[in-house]
Every structure is written in C-alpha cells, then in structure tokens.
C-alpha atoms as a PDB file:
ATOM      1  CA  MET A   1     136.314  55.515 120.469  1.00  0.00           C
ATOM      2  CA  GLY A   2     138.328  58.106 122.404  1.00  0.00           C
ATOM      3  CA  HIS A   3     136.532  61.026 120.766  1.00  0.00           C
ATOM      4  CA  SER A   4     133.369  62.004 122.581  1.00  0.00           C
ATOM      5  CA  ASN A   5     132.464  63.828 119.389  1.00  0.00           C
ATOM      6  CA  LYS A   6     131.784  60.708 117.345  1.00  0.00           C
ATOM      7  CA  ASN A   7     131.436  61.410 113.610  1.00  0.00           C
ATOM      8  CA  GLY A   8     131.095  65.103 114.350  1.00  0.00           C
ATOM      9  CA  LYS A   9     127.818  64.547 116.152  1.00  0.00           C
ATOM     10  CA  ILE A  10     126.654  66.481 119.170  1.00  0.00           C
ATOM     11  CA  ARG A  11     123.795  65.992 121.585  1.00  0.00           C
ATOM     12  CA  ALA A  12     121.427  68.766 122.504  1.00  0.00           C
ATOM     13  CA  ALA A  13     118.090  69.471 124.099  1.00  0.00           C
ATOM     14  CA  HIS A  14     115.709  72.239 123.194  1.00  0.00           C
ATOM     15  CA  LEU A  15     112.600  74.033 124.302  1.00  0.00           C
ATOM     16  CA  LEU A  16     110.359  74.978 121.385  1.00  0.00           C
ATOM     17  CA  VAL A  17     107.612  77.593 121.407  1.00  0.00           C
ATOM     18  CA  LYS A  18     105.518  77.430 118.248  1.00  0.00           C
ATOM     19  CA  HIS A  19     103.416  80.232 116.806  1.00  0.00           C
ATOM     20  CA  ARG A  20     100.731  80.484 114.150  1.00  0.00           C
ATOM     21  CA  ASN A  21     103.308  80.892 111.374  1.00  0.00           C
ATOM     22  CA  SER A  22     105.189  77.759 112.410  1.00  0.00           C
ATOM     23  CA  ARG A  23     105.448  75.025 109.821  1.00  0.00           C
ATOM     24  CA  ARG A  24     103.086  72.851 111.862  1.00  0.00           C
ATOM     25  CA  PRO A  25     101.110  75.095 114.232  1.00  0.00           C
ATOM     26  CA  SER A  26      99.958  72.346 116.591  1.00  0.00           C
ATOM     27  CA  SER A  27     101.556  70.319 119.364  1.00  0.00           C
ATOM     28  CA  TRP A  28     100.884  67.755 122.075  1.00  0.00           C
ATOM     29  CA  LYS A  29      99.837  70.718 124.239  1.00  0.00           C
ATOM     30  CA  GLU A  30      97.329  72.350 121.921  1.00  0.00           C
ATOM     31  CA  PRO A  31      95.678  71.164 118.691  1.00  0.00           C
ATOM     32  CA  GLU A  32      95.799  74.626 117.172  1.00  0.00           C
ATOM     33  CA  ILE A  33      98.434  77.197 118.062  1.00  0.00           C
ATOM     34  CA  THR A  34      97.194  80.729 117.444  1.00  0.00           C
ATOM     35  CA  ARG A  35      99.756  82.894 119.242  1.00  0.00           C
ATOM     36  CA  SER A  36     101.742  85.376 117.186  1.00  0.00           C
ATOM     37  CA  LYS A  37     105.474  85.119 116.690  1.00  0.00           C
ATOM     38  CA  GLU A  38     105.891  88.178 118.942  1.00  0.00           C
ATOM     39  CA  GLU A  39     103.977  86.400 121.702  1.00  0.00           C
ATOM     40  CA  ALA A  40     106.071  83.264 121.233  1.00  0.00           C
ATOM     41  CA  LEU A  41     109.260  85.321 121.520  1.00  0.00           C
ATOM     42  CA  GLY A  42     107.982  86.984 124.685  1.00  0.00           C
ATOM     43  CA  ILE A  43     107.225  83.611 126.270  1.00  0.00           C
ATOM     44  CA  LEU A  44     110.602  82.185 125.255  1.00  0.00           C
ATOM     45  CA  ARG A  45     112.506  85.218 126.587  1.00  0.00           C
ATOM     46  CA  GLU A  46     110.753  84.770 129.920  1.00  0.00           C
ATOM     47  CA  TYR A  47     111.852  81.100 129.959  1.00  0.00           C
ATOM     48  CA  GLU A  48     115.368  82.151 129.010  1.00  0.00           C
ATOM     49  CA  GLY A  49     115.478  84.525 131.978  1.00  0.00           C
ATOM     50  CA  ARG A  50     114.366  81.789 134.370  1.00  0.00           C
ATOM     51  CA  ILE A  51     116.946  79.343 133.000  1.00  0.00           C
ATOM     52  CA  ARG A  52     119.777  81.899 133.096  1.00  0.00           C
ATOM     53  CA  GLY A  53     118.748  82.912 136.610  1.00  0.00           C
ATOM     54  CA  GLY A  54     119.201  79.313 137.734  1.00  0.00           C
ATOM     55  CA  GLU A  55     115.562  79.020 138.767  1.00  0.00           C
ATOM     56  CA  VAL A  56     114.875  76.035 136.506  1.00  0.00           C
ATOM     57  CA  SER A  57     116.810  73.889 134.035  1.00  0.00           C
ATOM     58  CA  LEU A  58     115.988  73.933 130.338  1.00  0.00           C
ATOM     59  CA  GLY A  59     115.206  70.216 130.516  1.00  0.00           C
ATOM     60  CA  ASN A  60     112.735  70.524 133.359  1.00  0.00           C
ATOM     61  CA  LEU A  61     111.026  73.496 131.739  1.00  0.00           C
ATOM     62  CA  ALA A  62     110.869  71.714 128.372  1.00  0.00           C
ATOM     63  CA  THR A  63     109.013  68.821 130.026  1.00  0.00           C
ATOM     64  CA  SER A  64     105.980  70.997 130.672  1.00  0.00           C
ATOM     65  CA  GLU A  65     106.385  73.866 128.211  1.00  0.00           C
ATOM     66  CA  SER A  66     108.023  72.706 124.967  1.00  0.00           C
ATOM     67  CA  ASP A  67     105.811  72.390 121.880  1.00  0.00           C
ATOM     68  CA  CYS A  68     108.003  69.522 120.641  1.00  0.00           C
ATOM     69  CA  SER A  69     107.318  65.842 121.286  1.00  0.00           C
ATOM     70  CA  SER A  70     110.872  65.697 122.731  1.00  0.00           C
ATOM     71  CA  ALA A  71     109.334  67.387 125.820  1.00  0.00           C
ATOM     72  CA  ARG A  72     108.745  63.998 127.433  1.00  0.00           C
ATOM     73  CA  LYS A  73     112.513  63.389 127.236  1.00  0.00           C
ATOM     74  CA  LYS A  74     113.296  66.804 128.789  1.00  0.00           C
ATOM     75  CA  GLY A  75     113.770  68.201 125.290  1.00  0.00           C
ATOM     76  CA  ASP A  76     116.594  65.779 124.509  1.00  0.00           C
ATOM     77  CA  LEU A  77     117.047  65.325 120.761  1.00  0.00           C
ATOM     78  CA  GLY A  78     119.818  62.758 121.110  1.00  0.00           C
ATOM     79  CA  PHE A  79     122.843  62.863 118.833  1.00  0.00           C
ATOM     80  CA  PHE A  80     122.742  64.628 115.489  1.00  0.00           C
ATOM     81  CA  GLY A  81     125.276  65.699 112.912  1.00  0.00           C
ATOM     82  CA  HIS A  82     125.576  68.371 110.278  1.00  0.00           C
ATOM     83  CA  GLY A  83     122.615  68.358 107.912  1.00  0.00           C
ATOM     84  CA  ASP A  84     120.255  66.589 110.320  1.00  0.00           C
ATOM     85  CA  MET A  85     118.549  69.716 111.636  1.00  0.00           C
ATOM     86  CA  GLN A  86     117.342  72.998 110.194  1.00  0.00           C
ATOM     87  CA  LYS A  87     120.290  75.192 109.369  1.00  0.00           C
ATOM     88  CA  GLU A  88     119.648  77.905 111.977  1.00  0.00           C
ATOM     89  CA  PHE A  89     119.177  75.266 114.659  1.00  0.00           C
ATOM     90  CA  GLU A  90     122.321  73.404 113.669  1.00  0.00           C
ATOM     91  CA  GLN A  91     124.502  76.522 113.589  1.00  0.00           C
ATOM     92  CA  ALA A  92     123.350  77.573 117.048  1.00  0.00           C
ATOM     93  CA  ALA A  93     123.705  74.093 118.563  1.00  0.00           C
ATOM     94  CA  PHE A  94     127.200  73.466 117.185  1.00  0.00           C
ATOM     95  CA  ALA A  95     128.359  76.899 118.424  1.00  0.00           C
ATOM     96  CA  LEU A  96     127.539  76.021 122.041  1.00  0.00           C
ATOM     97  CA  LYS A  97     129.873  74.447 124.563  1.00  0.00           C
ATOM     98  CA  PRO A  98     128.498  71.521 126.605  1.00  0.00           C
ATOM     99  CA  GLY A  99     126.245  72.864 129.353  1.00  0.00           C
ATOM    100  CA  GLU A 100     125.700  76.154 127.551  1.00  0.00           C
ATOM    101  CA  VAL A 101     122.243  77.452 126.585  1.00  0.00           C
ATOM    102  CA  SER A 102     121.676  79.429 123.396  1.00  0.00           C
ATOM    103  CA  GLY A 103     119.818  82.664 122.978  1.00  0.00           C
ATOM    104  CA  VAL A 104     116.603  82.683 120.968  1.00  0.00           C
ATOM    105  CA  VAL A 105     116.894  80.623 117.774  1.00  0.00           C
ATOM    106  CA  ASP A 106     114.295  81.217 115.072  1.00  0.00           C
ATOM    107  CA  THR A 107     113.465  78.397 112.609  1.00  0.00           C
ATOM    108  CA  ALA A 108     110.516  77.343 110.446  1.00  0.00           C
ATOM    109  CA  SER A 109     109.351  75.226 113.406  1.00  0.00           C
ATOM    110  CA  GLY A 110     109.106  78.149 115.821  1.00  0.00           C
ATOM    111  CA  VAL A 111     111.441  79.755 118.339  1.00  0.00           C
ATOM    112  CA  HIS A 112     113.814  77.652 120.412  1.00  0.00           C
ATOM    113  CA  LEU A 113     116.251  77.705 123.285  1.00  0.00           C
ATOM    114  CA  ILE A 114     118.953  75.052 122.832  1.00  0.00           C
ATOM    115  CA  GLU A 115     121.160  73.435 125.446  1.00  0.00           C
ATOM    116  CA  ARG A 116     124.222  71.548 124.317  1.00  0.00           C
ATOM    117  CA  LEU A 117     124.459  68.340 126.344  1.00  0.00           C
ATOM    118  CA  GLU A 118     127.691  66.688 125.185  1.00  0.00           C
END
C-alpha cells in the first residue's frame, strides 16, 4: 500500500449548481431548473465566499445546496482516477492539494466548487 494515491486516484467532494443549460437541468431539489448560467455563477460565488471566509465547510453547504445526488454524502464523490470525470472537473480536482477548494469550475453538468479530500 504505502502510497495514499492508489492507482493515481484522488478523492474529492463538490458542490454543484445547475442551470437551464446543464446537461440534465433537474435535481433532487427541484424537478426543473430554470436559472440562467449567470445566476448559477452568482450563487456559486456567494458560496465560495462563505467557504473561503471559514463560515461553512464545502461539505456542510453541499448537503443542503448541491444539485448533485452526492449532497447527502456532503458532496463526497469517493475515489476517482483520470478519465472518470468530465475533463474540466478532473483537471481542477487533480490540481488541488488535499484540503484545498477550487475556484469556479464550469462543466456540462453545471458550475462546481471542488474540495480535494485526500
């Protein structure tokens, strides 16, 4: 074992805000998501400010606010390797150090904040 980075995999959590141009504009929170991408970015930047300010952790915020089903696990996506996620998501996640939170990441799913866990 030794290597925490087994098979080049990392573990990350994310908070997703979908918008009407997302690949699947619905979530456990709302059956039809109608907000614009600009609105989604505004919401996510507000979350980013709260996380960076130490007011709330990404995981705790994801629980109530993320448009991904991973919300119930505090946004935890478990371990994933190269090629498992959308390219933009993967590049951002692998660039983080453990405990670090990304800036806004834009994918076909919506806009995300990503926290590298391990």
